Structures are given as C-alpha cells and as structure tokens.
Amino acid sequence: MFGSKSGRGGQTVVDTLIGAQVVLQGDLVFSGGLYVEGRIVGKVVAEDGAAATLTLSEQGSIEGEVRVPVVVIDGRLDGDVHAGERVELAPNARVQGNVYYQVVEMSAGAQLTGRLIHQGTRAALPSPGTAEDVEATQEAAVGA
C-alpha cells in the first residue's frame, strides 16, 4: 500500500490516507497520492498543475465530483469523474456518473452507470463563439 513510484512495480506513492472509519464531509483538494478506504461526501480535486493520483479502495466510497489526473477506482463512486490522464476501473468499481478520460482501463466486473467520454475529442473542438465570430470566420473562408 505505501510504496514508492516505480515504473516496474506499478506501486504508487501514498501521501494521504483516508481510513476505513473516516467520513469526510466537504470538498478535498490535494496533490500527490490519496488513498481512500473511508467515505468522502464532497468534491475531490487535485491542485492545479500538480501530479496527483486518487485510489479508491474496495471498501471506500465517494459521493461527489472527482477531478484528478490519475484515478483508480475499486469502490463506489457517485458523481462524474474527470481524469486528465488516466482512469482505471478495477473489478469492484461501481460508478454512477460520467467518466471523462484520456486513457481508460476497465477490468471485468467493473460497473459503470453513465457514459465514457473521451476528452481528446472535446479538446479538438473549437471553443464556441458568438454569432458574429462564426460569420466573420465563414466570410474569411469564402474570401480566401
């Protein structure tokens, strides 16, 4: 459980542990490794630009939105997941909500009630503009 990040072993550093008897109510902002065996009621968000990994154990649960670069779920999560890099749904994962991902790994037995949405397609779309911006772009294309 507590190990150093190793390319060969696949272990992740755990900086913070939410124990099995802990119920945390409120939003949680963190960096580094967070291992959840207890229950969180609120958002779980990684600090902007920080390397962060959330691991939700088989006994753990989160009720709220998750925004973390790397997410490993083996427990219950009720809310949307926004994984900037990678999300892993382990065999005991029970997710109610949409999962936004770059890379996804889903093990046999994992359950998802929601949608898997690849973020690469969203990032490739231009940001919505005003009607004048659209008309100006169309005029420039016609004139070219």
Foldseek 3Di string as FASTA:
>chain_A
DADDPDPVPNDAHAPEEADQPDEAEEEAEEAGEYEYLHEYEEEYEYPPPGQYEYEYDQNYEYEYEYHHQEYEFQHEYEYEYAHVAEYEFDQNYHYEEEYEYQYYHYDHNHDYNYYDHYCVVVVPDDDDDDPVVVVVVVVVVVVD
